[in-house]
Amino acid sequence: MEPTFTITDPVSQRFPDLDVRSFVVEGTRIDAESEQFETFKDDILEEFRSAHDRNDLAKDPLFEAYRAFFWDLDIDPTKTRPAAEALARRALQDKPIPTINTFVDAYNLASLTSKVPLAAFDRDLLGEELRLRFAEDGEPFRGIGMDDPTTLAGGELVIDDGNSLIAVYPYRNSAATKLTLDSTDAFVLVCGVPGMSGSVLDRASETAKANVTRFCGGDVIETS
């Protein structure tokens, strides 16, 4: 059974038009790196740099939507950049895009070109019911790259799987459920924000599916 994803009533009441898409990729092979992928990435980055100017990022309507959402959640987006905008800024400053593994790198490129953050988890490490909800005061969360858990203040937007928190939405995933070279099945979220059209999320989703299956193989299973 594939995990289900639900937006809880308190979140829906505060953000009635918040839309999140998801899909599963089964039977993937994830490598540390790929020469073919690096060539593909270089081509995508060249196209992106030719089509965008760093000085225009602040006025991009998609990035503006994510920054507004961050402010609404009491997150300063000038200190914690929305993921897609952070990738765009690195690309336009000629800085390298982080290399994690071929699956993560492939969906990061989809995030860059679509300007929509994505998140992926090892499906085999997840519970069956994922819920987007507001955090309670004192809940622990250890994100990727964190040595020790942090204690949440309450009110953060989080995803739990019935066992623990797997993400602080929409910008940090749990270390416990991250994709590794041993992962074979991935659960992917396309992280929308209020006011974003479904066509934008659809485009991001289709680009991510194409990228990850091209370089990691596997079969896409629709979940929402």
N, C-alpha and C. Protein backbone atom coordinates (compact mmCIF):
# COMPACT_ATOMS: atom_id res chain seq x y z
N MET A 1 0.84 -1.20 0.00
CA MET A 1 0.00 0.00 0.00
C MET A 1 0.88 1.25 0.00
N GLU A 2 0.55 2.20 -0.90
CA GLU A 2 1.32 3.44 -0.95
C GLU A 2 0.91 4.37 0.19
N PRO A 3 1.84 5.17 0.70
CA PRO A 3 1.47 6.13 1.75
C PRO A 3 0.41 7.11 1.24
N THR A 4 -0.47 7.50 2.13
CA THR A 4 -1.44 8.54 1.81
C THR A 4 -0.95 9.86 2.38
N PHE A 5 -1.36 10.94 1.75
CA PHE A 5 -0.96 12.27 2.22
C PHE A 5 -2.21 13.10 2.46
N THR A 6 -2.34 13.65 3.67
CA THR A 6 -3.52 14.41 4.05
C THR A 6 -3.12 15.75 4.64
N ILE A 7 -3.83 16.79 4.23
CA ILE A 7 -3.68 18.11 4.86
C ILE A 7 -4.74 18.20 5.95
N THR A 8 -4.32 18.39 7.19
CA THR A 8 -5.26 18.39 8.31
C THR A 8 -6.16 19.62 8.26
N ASP A 9 -7.30 19.53 8.95
CA ASP A 9 -8.29 20.60 8.91
C ASP A 9 -7.74 21.96 9.37
N PRO A 10 -6.98 22.04 10.47
CA PRO A 10 -6.47 23.36 10.87
C PRO A 10 -5.60 24.01 9.80
N VAL A 11 -4.81 23.20 9.10
CA VAL A 11 -3.97 23.75 8.02
C VAL A 11 -4.85 24.19 6.85
N SER A 12 -5.82 23.36 6.49
CA SER A 12 -6.72 23.72 5.39
C SER A 12 -7.52 24.98 5.70
N GLN A 13 -7.90 25.14 6.96
CA GLN A 13 -8.67 26.33 7.34
C GLN A 13 -7.82 27.59 7.24
N ARG A 14 -6.55 27.49 7.59
CA ARG A 14 -5.68 28.67 7.50
C ARG A 14 -5.21 28.92 6.08
N PHE A 15 -4.96 27.83 5.33
CA PHE A 15 -4.47 27.95 3.95
C PHE A 15 -5.39 27.15 3.05
N PRO A 16 -6.59 27.65 2.75
CA PRO A 16 -7.59 26.85 2.04
C PRO A 16 -7.20 26.45 0.62
N ASP A 17 -6.30 27.19 -0.02
CA ASP A 17 -5.93 26.83 -1.38
C ASP A 17 -4.53 26.24 -1.46
N LEU A 18 -4.01 25.74 -0.35
CA LEU A 18 -2.71 25.07 -0.37
C LEU A 18 -2.85 23.72 -1.05
N ASP A 19 -1.99 23.47 -2.03
CA ASP A 19 -2.06 22.24 -2.83
C ASP A 19 -0.70 21.56 -2.79
N VAL A 20 -0.70 20.26 -2.52
CA VAL A 20 0.52 19.47 -2.50
C VAL A 20 0.28 18.23 -3.35
N ARG A 21 1.20 17.92 -4.25
CA ARG A 21 1.08 16.74 -5.10
C ARG A 21 2.10 15.69 -4.64
N SER A 22 1.83 14.43 -4.96
CA SER A 22 2.77 13.38 -4.58
C SER A 22 2.75 12.27 -5.61
N PHE A 23 3.84 11.52 -5.66
CA PHE A 23 3.92 10.31 -6.47
C PHE A 23 5.02 9.42 -5.91
N VAL A 24 5.00 8.16 -6.30
CA VAL A 24 5.99 7.18 -5.87
C VAL A 24 6.77 6.72 -7.10
N VAL A 25 8.07 6.49 -6.92
CA VAL A 25 8.87 5.85 -7.95
C VAL A 25 9.41 4.56 -7.36
N GLU A 26 9.01 3.44 -7.94
CA GLU A 26 9.42 2.12 -7.46
C GLU A 26 10.53 1.55 -8.31
N GLY A 27 11.42 0.78 -7.67
CA GLY A 27 12.44 0.04 -8.41
C GLY A 27 13.55 0.91 -8.96
N THR A 28 13.93 1.95 -8.22
CA THR A 28 14.99 2.83 -8.70
C THR A 28 16.37 2.24 -8.38
N ARG A 29 17.35 2.72 -9.11
CA ARG A 29 18.75 2.47 -8.79
C ARG A 29 19.40 3.83 -8.59
N ILE A 30 19.85 4.10 -7.39
CA ILE A 30 20.41 5.40 -7.06
C ILE A 30 21.93 5.26 -6.95
N ASP A 31 22.64 6.09 -7.69
CA ASP A 31 24.10 6.09 -7.67
C ASP A 31 24.62 7.36 -7.02
N ALA A 32 25.86 7.31 -6.60
CA ALA A 32 26.47 8.49 -6.00
C ALA A 32 26.61 9.60 -7.04
N GLU A 33 26.94 9.23 -8.25
CA GLU A 33 27.08 10.20 -9.33
C GLU A 33 26.98 9.49 -10.66
N SER A 34 26.83 10.26 -11.72
CA SER A 34 26.68 9.71 -13.06
C SER A 34 27.26 10.70 -14.06
N GLU A 35 28.13 10.22 -14.91
CA GLU A 35 28.71 11.09 -15.93
C GLU A 35 27.64 11.61 -16.89
N GLN A 36 26.69 10.75 -17.24
CA GLN A 36 25.61 11.18 -18.12
C GLN A 36 24.77 12.26 -17.45
N PHE A 37 24.50 12.09 -16.16
CA PHE A 37 23.71 13.10 -15.47
C PHE A 37 24.46 14.42 -15.42
N GLU A 38 25.76 14.38 -15.15
CA GLU A 38 26.52 15.63 -15.06
C GLU A 38 26.49 16.40 -16.38
N THR A 39 26.54 15.68 -17.49
CA THR A 39 26.42 16.34 -18.80
C THR A 39 25.05 16.98 -18.95
N PHE A 40 24.01 16.23 -18.55
CA PHE A 40 22.65 16.75 -18.60
C PHE A 40 22.51 17.98 -17.70
N LYS A 41 23.06 17.91 -16.50
CA LYS A 41 22.97 19.03 -15.56
C LYS A 41 23.66 20.26 -16.13
N ASP A 42 24.82 20.09 -16.73
CA ASP A 42 25.53 21.23 -17.30
C ASP A 42 24.70 21.91 -18.38
N ASP A 43 24.02 21.11 -19.20
CA ASP A 43 23.19 21.67 -20.27
C ASP A 43 22.00 22.44 -19.67
N ILE A 44 21.37 21.86 -18.64
CA ILE A 44 20.22 22.53 -18.00
C ILE A 44 20.66 23.84 -17.36
N LEU A 45 21.80 23.83 -16.68
CA LEU A 45 22.29 25.04 -16.03
C LEU A 45 22.62 26.12 -17.04
N GLU A 46 23.19 25.72 -18.17
CA GLU A 46 23.50 26.71 -19.21
C GLU A 46 22.22 27.35 -19.75
N GLU A 47 21.19 26.53 -19.97
CA GLU A 47 19.92 27.06 -20.44
C GLU A 47 19.30 27.99 -19.41
N PHE A 48 19.37 27.59 -18.15
CA PHE A 48 18.76 28.40 -17.09
C PHE A 48 19.48 29.75 -16.98
N ARG A 49 20.78 29.74 -17.03
CA ARG A 49 21.55 30.98 -16.91
C ARG A 49 21.31 31.90 -18.11
N SER A 50 21.08 31.31 -19.27
CA SER A 50 20.82 32.13 -20.45
C SER A 50 19.45 32.80 -20.39
N ALA A 51 18.51 32.15 -19.67
CA ALA A 51 17.13 32.65 -19.65
C ALA A 51 16.81 33.53 -18.45
N HIS A 52 17.73 33.61 -17.47
CA HIS A 52 17.42 34.33 -16.23
C HIS A 52 18.55 35.27 -15.84
N ASP A 53 18.16 36.31 -15.12
CA ASP A 53 19.11 37.27 -14.58
C ASP A 53 18.97 37.28 -13.06
N ARG A 54 20.09 37.26 -12.38
CA ARG A 54 20.05 37.22 -10.91
C ARG A 54 19.30 38.40 -10.32
N ASN A 55 19.39 39.55 -10.95
CA ASN A 55 18.73 40.74 -10.43
C ASN A 55 17.21 40.67 -10.52
N ASP A 56 16.70 39.72 -11.31
CA ASP A 56 15.25 39.60 -11.48
C ASP A 56 14.61 38.59 -10.53
N LEU A 57 15.42 37.87 -9.75
CA LEU A 57 14.87 36.83 -8.88
C LEU A 57 13.90 37.40 -7.86
N ALA A 58 14.20 38.57 -7.33
CA ALA A 58 13.34 39.15 -6.30
C ALA A 58 11.94 39.46 -6.83
N LYS A 59 11.81 39.62 -8.14
CA LYS A 59 10.52 39.97 -8.73
C LYS A 59 9.80 38.77 -9.36
N ASP A 60 10.42 37.61 -9.31
CA ASP A 60 9.80 36.43 -9.92
C ASP A 60 8.55 36.06 -9.12
N PRO A 61 7.39 35.93 -9.78
CA PRO A 61 6.14 35.70 -9.03
C PRO A 61 6.11 34.38 -8.26
N LEU A 62 6.75 33.35 -8.77
CA LEU A 62 6.77 32.09 -8.03
C LEU A 62 7.62 32.20 -6.78
N PHE A 63 8.79 32.78 -6.91
CA PHE A 63 9.64 32.96 -5.73
C PHE A 63 8.96 33.90 -4.73
N GLU A 64 8.27 34.91 -5.24
CA GLU A 64 7.54 35.82 -4.35
C GLU A 64 6.48 35.06 -3.54
N ALA A 65 5.81 34.11 -4.17
CA ALA A 65 4.76 33.34 -3.49
C ALA A 65 5.35 32.52 -2.34
N TYR A 66 6.51 31.92 -2.58
CA TYR A 66 7.14 31.13 -1.51
C TYR A 66 7.66 32.03 -0.40
N ARG A 67 8.22 33.18 -0.75
CA ARG A 67 8.69 34.09 0.30
C ARG A 67 7.52 34.58 1.16
N ALA A 68 6.40 34.89 0.53
CA ALA A 68 5.22 35.33 1.29
C ALA A 68 4.73 34.24 2.23
N PHE A 69 4.76 32.99 1.76
CA PHE A 69 4.35 31.86 2.59
C PHE A 69 5.29 31.69 3.78
N PHE A 70 6.59 31.85 3.54
CA PHE A 70 7.56 31.75 4.63
C PHE A 70 7.29 32.83 5.68
N TRP A 71 7.06 34.06 5.23
CA TRP A 71 6.78 35.13 6.18
C TRP A 71 5.53 34.80 7.00
N ASP A 72 4.53 34.22 6.33
CA ASP A 72 3.30 33.87 7.03
C ASP A 72 3.53 32.82 8.11
N LEU A 73 4.57 32.01 7.91
CA LEU A 73 4.92 30.97 8.89
C LEU A 73 6.01 31.45 9.86
N ASP A 74 6.28 32.75 9.85
CA ASP A 74 7.32 33.33 10.73
C ASP A 74 8.71 32.80 10.43
N ILE A 75 8.96 32.51 9.15
CA ILE A 75 10.29 32.12 8.68
C ILE A 75 10.82 33.25 7.82
N ASP A 76 12.00 33.74 8.13
CA ASP A 76 12.59 34.83 7.35
C ASP A 76 13.21 34.25 6.08
N PRO A 77 12.61 34.50 4.90
CA PRO A 77 13.13 33.90 3.67
C PRO A 77 14.44 34.51 3.18
N THR A 78 14.89 35.59 3.82
CA THR A 78 16.21 36.12 3.47
C THR A 78 17.31 35.37 4.22
N LYS A 79 16.92 34.62 5.26
CA LYS A 79 17.88 33.82 6.01
C LYS A 79 17.73 32.33 5.69
N THR A 80 16.49 31.89 5.56
CA THR A 80 16.20 30.52 5.13
C THR A 80 15.52 30.62 3.78
N ARG A 81 16.29 30.46 2.73
CA ARG A 81 15.75 30.64 1.38
C ARG A 81 14.85 29.47 1.01
N PRO A 82 13.72 29.73 0.36
CA PRO A 82 12.97 28.63 -0.25
C PRO A 82 13.89 27.83 -1.17
N ALA A 83 13.72 26.51 -1.17
CA ALA A 83 14.71 25.63 -1.80
C ALA A 83 14.97 25.94 -3.26
N ALA A 84 13.90 26.15 -4.03
CA ALA A 84 14.09 26.40 -5.46
C ALA A 84 14.81 27.72 -5.70
N GLU A 85 14.48 28.73 -4.91
CA GLU A 85 15.15 30.01 -5.06
C GLU A 85 16.62 29.90 -4.68
N ALA A 86 16.92 29.12 -3.64
CA ALA A 86 18.32 28.93 -3.25
C ALA A 86 19.11 28.28 -4.38
N LEU A 87 18.51 27.29 -5.05
CA LEU A 87 19.18 26.66 -6.18
C LEU A 87 19.38 27.65 -7.33
N ALA A 88 18.36 28.46 -7.58
CA ALA A 88 18.45 29.45 -8.66
C ALA A 88 19.55 30.46 -8.38
N ARG A 89 19.65 30.92 -7.16
CA ARG A 89 20.69 31.89 -6.81
C ARG A 89 22.08 31.28 -6.99
N ARG A 90 22.24 30.03 -6.58
CA ARG A 90 23.54 29.38 -6.76
C ARG A 90 23.87 29.28 -8.25
N ALA A 91 22.89 28.87 -9.04
CA ALA A 91 23.14 28.70 -10.48
C ALA A 91 23.54 30.01 -11.13
N LEU A 92 22.85 31.10 -10.76
CA LEU A 92 23.12 32.38 -11.41
C LEU A 92 24.35 33.08 -10.85
N GLN A 93 24.89 32.55 -9.75
CA GLN A 93 26.16 33.04 -9.23
C GLN A 93 27.32 32.15 -9.67
N ASP A 94 27.02 31.21 -10.58
CA ASP A 94 28.01 30.24 -11.08
C ASP A 94 28.62 29.41 -9.95
N LYS A 95 27.82 29.16 -8.92
CA LYS A 95 28.25 28.26 -7.86
C LYS A 95 27.75 26.86 -8.18
N PRO A 96 28.46 25.83 -7.72
CA PRO A 96 28.01 24.46 -8.03
C PRO A 96 26.71 24.12 -7.32
N ILE A 97 25.89 23.35 -8.00
CA ILE A 97 24.68 22.81 -7.40
C ILE A 97 25.10 21.61 -6.55
N PRO A 98 24.61 21.51 -5.32
CA PRO A 98 25.04 20.39 -4.45
C PRO A 98 24.84 19.03 -5.11
N THR A 99 25.81 18.15 -4.92
CA THR A 99 25.72 16.78 -5.40
C THR A 99 25.44 15.87 -4.22
N ILE A 100 24.29 15.22 -4.24
CA ILE A 100 23.88 14.33 -3.15
C ILE A 100 23.90 12.88 -3.63
N ASN A 101 23.02 12.57 -4.55
CA ASN A 101 23.00 11.31 -5.27
C ASN A 101 22.15 11.54 -6.51
N THR A 102 22.10 10.56 -7.41
CA THR A 102 21.48 10.84 -8.70
C THR A 102 19.98 11.12 -8.59
N PHE A 103 19.30 10.51 -7.63
CA PHE A 103 17.86 10.78 -7.48
C PHE A 103 17.64 12.20 -6.97
N VAL A 104 18.30 12.54 -5.88
CA VAL A 104 18.12 13.88 -5.31
C VAL A 104 18.58 14.95 -6.30
N ASP A 105 19.71 14.70 -6.96
CA ASP A 105 20.21 15.68 -7.91
C ASP A 105 19.26 15.86 -9.08
N ALA A 106 18.61 14.77 -9.51
CA ALA A 106 17.67 14.85 -10.63
C ALA A 106 16.44 15.66 -10.26
N TYR A 107 15.90 15.45 -9.05
CA TYR A 107 14.71 16.25 -8.72
C TYR A 107 15.08 17.67 -8.33
N ASN A 108 16.31 17.89 -7.87
CA ASN A 108 16.75 19.27 -7.63
C ASN A 108 16.78 20.07 -8.94
N LEU A 109 17.19 19.42 -10.02
CA LEU A 109 17.16 20.12 -11.31
C LEU A 109 15.73 20.45 -11.72
N ALA A 110 14.80 19.53 -11.44
CA ALA A 110 13.39 19.81 -11.72
C ALA A 110 12.90 20.97 -10.88
N SER A 111 13.34 21.03 -9.64
CA SER A 111 12.97 22.14 -8.76
C SER A 111 13.53 23.45 -9.30
N LEU A 112 14.76 23.43 -9.76
CA LEU A 112 15.38 24.63 -10.31
C LEU A 112 14.60 25.16 -11.51
N THR A 113 14.31 24.29 -12.46
CA THR A 113 13.69 24.76 -13.71
C THR A 113 12.22 25.11 -13.52
N SER A 114 11.53 24.41 -12.60
CA SER A 114 10.11 24.70 -12.37
C SER A 114 9.88 25.77 -11.32
N LYS A 115 10.93 26.04 -10.50
CA LYS A 115 10.88 27.02 -9.41
C LYS A 115 9.96 26.57 -8.28
N VAL A 116 9.76 25.26 -8.18
CA VAL A 116 8.90 24.66 -7.15
C VAL A 116 9.73 23.70 -6.31
N PRO A 117 9.76 23.86 -4.99
CA PRO A 117 10.50 22.91 -4.15
C PRO A 117 9.88 21.50 -4.21
N LEU A 118 10.74 20.51 -4.19
CA LEU A 118 10.32 19.12 -4.12
C LEU A 118 11.01 18.46 -2.94
N ALA A 119 10.42 17.39 -2.46
CA ALA A 119 11.01 16.62 -1.36
C ALA A 119 10.82 15.15 -1.67
N ALA A 120 11.76 14.33 -1.25
CA ALA A 120 11.64 12.89 -1.49
C ALA A 120 12.12 12.13 -0.26
N PHE A 121 11.49 10.98 -0.03
CA PHE A 121 11.75 10.17 1.14
C PHE A 121 11.86 8.71 0.73
N ASP A 122 12.59 7.93 1.50
CA ASP A 122 12.64 6.48 1.29
C ASP A 122 11.28 5.92 1.70
N ARG A 123 10.54 5.42 0.72
CA ARG A 123 9.19 4.95 1.01
C ARG A 123 9.17 3.83 2.05
N ASP A 124 10.19 2.97 2.03
CA ASP A 124 10.22 1.83 2.93
C ASP A 124 10.44 2.23 4.38
N LEU A 125 10.81 3.48 4.62
CA LEU A 125 11.04 3.95 5.97
C LEU A 125 9.88 4.80 6.49
N LEU A 126 8.84 4.94 5.68
CA LEU A 126 7.71 5.78 6.04
C LEU A 126 6.56 4.97 6.62
N GLY A 127 5.77 5.63 7.46
CA GLY A 127 4.49 5.06 7.86
C GLY A 127 3.50 5.14 6.71
N GLU A 128 2.29 4.65 6.92
CA GLU A 128 1.31 4.59 5.84
C GLU A 128 0.49 5.86 5.68
N GLU A 129 0.43 6.69 6.72
CA GLU A 129 -0.41 7.89 6.66
C GLU A 129 0.42 9.12 6.98
N LEU A 130 0.65 9.95 5.98
CA LEU A 130 1.39 11.19 6.16
C LEU A 130 0.40 12.33 6.34
N ARG A 131 0.67 13.20 7.30
CA ARG A 131 -0.24 14.32 7.59
C ARG A 131 0.55 15.62 7.65
N LEU A 132 0.04 16.62 6.95
CA LEU A 132 0.59 17.97 7.04
C LEU A 132 -0.18 18.69 8.14
N ARG A 133 0.50 19.09 9.19
CA ARG A 133 -0.16 19.67 10.35
C ARG A 133 0.74 20.72 10.99
N PHE A 134 0.21 21.40 11.98
CA PHE A 134 1.00 22.34 12.75
C PHE A 134 1.70 21.61 13.89
N ALA A 135 2.96 21.96 14.12
CA ALA A 135 3.74 21.31 15.18
C ALA A 135 3.24 21.72 16.55
N GLU A 136 3.45 20.85 17.50
CA GLU A 136 3.18 21.15 18.90
C GLU A 136 4.47 21.62 19.57
N ASP A 137 4.31 22.42 20.59
CA ASP A 137 5.47 22.93 21.34
C ASP A 137 6.26 21.76 21.92
N GLY A 138 7.59 21.77 21.65
CA GLY A 138 8.47 20.77 22.24
C GLY A 138 8.71 19.54 21.40
N GLU A 139 8.10 19.43 20.21
CA GLU A 139 8.35 18.26 19.37
C GLU A 139 9.79 18.27 18.86
N PRO A 140 10.46 17.11 18.87
CA PRO A 140 11.83 17.05 18.36
C PRO A 140 11.84 16.79 16.86
N PHE A 141 12.84 17.34 16.20
CA PHE A 141 13.01 17.10 14.77
C PHE A 141 14.49 17.16 14.43
N ARG A 142 14.98 16.10 13.75
CA ARG A 142 16.37 16.11 13.28
C ARG A 142 16.37 16.07 11.76
N GLY A 143 16.74 17.19 11.18
CA GLY A 143 16.77 17.30 9.74
C GLY A 143 18.08 16.80 9.16
N ILE A 144 18.09 16.65 7.85
CA ILE A 144 19.31 16.24 7.15
C ILE A 144 20.42 17.24 7.43
N GLY A 145 21.58 16.73 7.80
CA GLY A 145 22.71 17.58 8.10
C GLY A 145 22.80 18.06 9.53
N MET A 146 21.82 17.71 10.36
CA MET A 146 21.82 18.12 11.75
C MET A 146 22.40 17.00 12.62
N ASP A 147 23.35 17.34 13.50
CA ASP A 147 23.92 16.34 14.39
C ASP A 147 22.94 15.93 15.49
N ASP A 148 22.20 16.89 15.99
CA ASP A 148 21.27 16.64 17.08
C ASP A 148 19.89 17.19 16.72
N PRO A 149 18.84 16.62 17.31
CA PRO A 149 17.50 17.13 17.04
C PRO A 149 17.35 18.56 17.57
N THR A 150 16.51 19.32 16.89
CA THR A 150 16.09 20.61 17.39
C THR A 150 14.72 20.46 18.02
N THR A 151 14.38 21.37 18.91
CA THR A 151 13.08 21.34 19.56
C THR A 151 12.21 22.42 18.94
N LEU A 152 11.08 22.02 18.40
CA LEU A 152 10.20 22.97 17.72
C LEU A 152 9.42 23.80 18.73
N ALA A 153 9.15 25.04 18.34
CA ALA A 153 8.47 25.97 19.24
C ALA A 153 6.97 25.79 19.23
N GLY A 154 6.46 25.09 18.22
CA GLY A 154 5.02 24.95 18.05
C GLY A 154 4.52 25.94 17.01
N GLY A 155 3.65 25.46 16.13
CA GLY A 155 3.12 26.30 15.07
C GLY A 155 3.81 26.13 13.74
N GLU A 156 4.98 25.48 13.73
CA GLU A 156 5.63 25.20 12.44
C GLU A 156 4.75 24.24 11.63
N LEU A 157 4.88 24.31 10.33
CA LEU A 157 4.15 23.39 9.46
C LEU A 157 5.02 22.16 9.27
N VAL A 158 4.51 20.99 9.67
CA VAL A 158 5.32 19.78 9.65
C VAL A 158 4.55 18.63 9.01
N ILE A 159 5.28 17.61 8.63
CA ILE A 159 4.69 16.38 8.12
C ILE A 159 5.07 15.25 9.06
N ASP A 160 4.08 14.54 9.55
CA ASP A 160 4.39 13.34 10.33
C ASP A 160 3.84 12.12 9.60
N ASP A 161 4.44 10.96 9.91
CA ASP A 161 4.02 9.73 9.25
C ASP A 161 3.41 8.74 10.23
N GLY A 162 2.99 9.27 11.39
CA GLY A 162 2.43 8.41 12.40
C GLY A 162 3.44 7.90 13.39
N ASN A 163 4.73 8.02 13.03
CA ASN A 163 5.81 7.58 13.91
C ASN A 163 6.66 8.74 14.39
N SER A 164 6.96 9.65 13.49
CA SER A 164 7.82 10.79 13.80
C SER A 164 7.62 11.87 12.74
N LEU A 165 8.26 13.01 12.94
CA LEU A 165 8.22 14.08 11.95
C LEU A 165 9.22 13.77 10.84
N ILE A 166 8.75 13.83 9.61
CA ILE A 166 9.64 13.54 8.49
C ILE A 166 10.03 14.80 7.72
N ALA A 167 9.41 15.94 8.05
CA ALA A 167 9.78 17.18 7.35
C ALA A 167 9.21 18.38 8.09
N VAL A 168 9.91 19.50 7.99
CA VAL A 168 9.34 20.81 8.28
C VAL A 168 9.05 21.41 6.91
N TYR A 169 7.77 21.59 6.62
CA TYR A 169 7.32 21.99 5.29
C TYR A 169 7.53 23.49 5.09
N PRO A 170 8.02 23.89 3.91
CA PRO A 170 8.41 23.07 2.78
C PRO A 170 9.92 23.10 2.54
N TYR A 171 10.72 23.05 3.60
CA TYR A 171 12.14 23.33 3.33
C TYR A 171 13.15 22.40 3.99
N ARG A 172 12.75 21.50 4.89
CA ARG A 172 13.76 20.63 5.49
C ARG A 172 13.17 19.25 5.75
N ASN A 173 13.92 18.20 5.32
CA ASN A 173 13.48 16.83 5.47
C ASN A 173 14.24 16.14 6.60
N SER A 174 13.65 15.07 7.11
CA SER A 174 14.24 14.32 8.20
C SER A 174 15.42 13.48 7.72
N ALA A 175 16.44 13.42 8.56
CA ALA A 175 17.59 12.56 8.25
C ALA A 175 17.20 11.09 8.26
N ALA A 176 16.19 10.74 9.08
CA ALA A 176 15.85 9.34 9.26
C ALA A 176 15.20 8.71 8.03
N THR A 177 14.59 9.51 7.17
CA THR A 177 13.86 8.96 6.03
C THR A 177 14.44 9.42 4.68
N LYS A 178 15.67 9.91 4.70
CA LYS A 178 16.26 10.42 3.47
C LYS A 178 16.60 9.29 2.49
N LEU A 179 16.70 9.64 1.23
CA LEU A 179 17.09 8.69 0.20
C LEU A 179 18.60 8.47 0.23
N THR A 180 19.00 7.21 0.16
CA THR A 180 20.41 6.85 0.14
C THR A 180 20.67 5.94 -1.07
N LEU A 181 21.90 5.51 -1.21
CA LEU A 181 22.25 4.61 -2.31
C LEU A 181 21.58 3.25 -2.16
N ASP A 182 21.10 2.93 -0.98
CA ASP A 182 20.41 1.66 -0.75
C ASP A 182 18.91 1.75 -0.99
N SER A 183 18.38 2.95 -1.18
CA SER A 183 16.93 3.13 -1.37
C SER A 183 16.52 2.61 -2.75
N THR A 184 15.39 1.96 -2.81
CA THR A 184 14.86 1.49 -4.09
C THR A 184 13.52 2.12 -4.45
N ASP A 185 12.78 2.57 -3.46
CA ASP A 185 11.46 3.16 -3.70
C ASP A 185 11.40 4.53 -3.03
N ALA A 186 10.91 5.51 -3.76
CA ALA A 186 10.89 6.89 -3.26
C ALA A 186 9.48 7.45 -3.27
N PHE A 187 9.16 8.19 -2.22
CA PHE A 187 7.91 8.94 -2.15
C PHE A 187 8.27 10.41 -2.33
N VAL A 188 7.68 11.04 -3.35
CA VAL A 188 8.07 12.40 -3.74
C VAL A 188 6.90 13.36 -3.52
N LEU A 189 7.19 14.51 -2.92
CA LEU A 189 6.21 15.57 -2.74
C LEU A 189 6.56 16.76 -3.61
N VAL A 190 5.54 17.33 -4.23
CA VAL A 190 5.66 18.58 -4.98
C VAL A 190 5.01 19.64 -4.11
N CYS A 191 5.83 20.54 -3.56
CA CYS A 191 5.41 21.39 -2.45
C CYS A 191 4.86 22.74 -2.93
N GLY A 192 3.55 22.83 -3.00
CA GLY A 192 2.92 24.07 -3.39
C GLY A 192 2.76 25.03 -2.23
N VAL A 193 2.32 26.23 -2.57
CA VAL A 193 2.01 27.26 -1.57
C VAL A 193 0.69 27.91 -1.98
N PRO A 194 0.04 28.62 -1.06
CA PRO A 194 -1.23 29.26 -1.40
C PRO A 194 -1.12 30.18 -2.63
N GLY A 195 -2.15 30.12 -3.46
CA GLY A 195 -2.20 30.97 -4.63
C GLY A 195 -1.51 30.42 -5.86
N MET A 196 -0.90 29.24 -5.75
CA MET A 196 -0.18 28.67 -6.89
C MET A 196 -1.13 27.82 -7.73
N SER A 197 -1.05 27.98 -9.03
CA SER A 197 -1.95 27.25 -9.92
C SER A 197 -1.54 25.79 -10.01
N GLY A 198 -2.54 24.95 -10.27
CA GLY A 198 -2.27 23.53 -10.42
C GLY A 198 -1.35 23.22 -11.59
N SER A 199 -1.41 24.04 -12.63
CA SER A 199 -0.56 23.78 -13.80
C SER A 199 0.92 23.92 -13.46
N VAL A 200 1.25 24.82 -12.54
CA VAL A 200 2.65 24.96 -12.12
C VAL A 200 3.11 23.70 -11.41
N LEU A 201 2.28 23.17 -10.52
CA LEU A 201 2.63 21.95 -9.81
C LEU A 201 2.68 20.75 -10.75
N ASP A 202 1.78 20.71 -11.71
CA ASP A 202 1.79 19.63 -12.69
C ASP A 202 3.10 19.64 -13.49
N ARG A 203 3.52 20.82 -13.90
CA ARG A 203 4.75 20.92 -14.67
C ARG A 203 5.96 20.46 -13.86
N ALA A 204 6.01 20.88 -12.60
CA ALA A 204 7.11 20.47 -11.74
C ALA A 204 7.10 18.96 -11.53
N SER A 205 5.90 18.40 -11.33
CA SER A 205 5.77 16.97 -11.12
C SER A 205 6.23 16.18 -12.34
N GLU A 206 5.80 16.58 -13.52
CA GLU A 206 6.16 15.85 -14.73
C GLU A 206 7.66 15.97 -15.02
N THR A 207 8.23 17.12 -14.75
CA THR A 207 9.67 17.28 -14.97
C THR A 207 10.45 16.40 -14.01
N ALA A 208 10.03 16.35 -12.76
CA ALA A 208 10.71 15.50 -11.78
C ALA A 208 10.62 14.03 -12.17
N LYS A 209 9.44 13.58 -12.58
CA LYS A 209 9.27 12.19 -12.99
C LYS A 209 10.20 11.85 -14.16
N ALA A 210 10.26 12.74 -15.12
CA ALA A 210 11.11 12.50 -16.29
C ALA A 210 12.58 12.43 -15.89
N ASN A 211 13.00 13.35 -15.05
CA ASN A 211 14.42 13.40 -14.65
C ASN A 211 14.82 12.16 -13.86
N VAL A 212 14.03 11.82 -12.85
CA VAL A 212 14.47 10.72 -11.97
C VAL A 212 14.39 9.37 -12.67
N THR A 213 13.38 9.15 -13.50
CA THR A 213 13.31 7.86 -14.19
C THR A 213 14.35 7.76 -15.30
N ARG A 214 14.74 8.89 -15.86
CA ARG A 214 15.78 8.86 -16.90
C ARG A 214 17.11 8.41 -16.32
N PHE A 215 17.43 8.86 -15.12
CA PHE A 215 18.75 8.58 -14.56
C PHE A 215 18.76 7.54 -13.45
N CYS A 216 17.59 7.23 -12.90
CA CYS A 216 17.51 6.23 -11.82
C CYS A 216 16.59 5.07 -12.15
N GLY A 217 15.94 5.12 -13.29
CA GLY A 217 15.02 4.06 -13.65
C GLY A 217 13.79 4.06 -12.76
N GLY A 218 13.09 2.94 -12.74
CA GLY A 218 11.93 2.80 -11.88
C GLY A 218 10.62 3.09 -12.61
N ASP A 219 9.54 2.80 -11.91
CA ASP A 219 8.19 3.00 -12.43
C ASP A 219 7.46 4.01 -11.55
N VAL A 220 6.78 4.96 -12.17
CA VAL A 220 6.02 5.98 -11.45
C VAL A 220 4.64 5.44 -11.09
N ILE A 221 4.26 5.63 -9.84
CA ILE A 221 2.93 5.29 -9.37
C ILE A 221 2.26 6.56 -8.87
N GLU A 222 1.14 6.89 -9.45
CA GLU A 222 0.43 8.11 -9.04
C GLU A 222 -0.26 7.90 -7.69
N THR A 223 -0.12 8.88 -6.82
CA THR A 223 -0.77 8.79 -5.52
C THR A 223 -1.74 9.94 -5.28
N SER A 224 -1.62 11.03 -6.06
CA SER A 224 -2.54 12.14 -5.91
C SER A 224 -2.54 12.98 -7.17
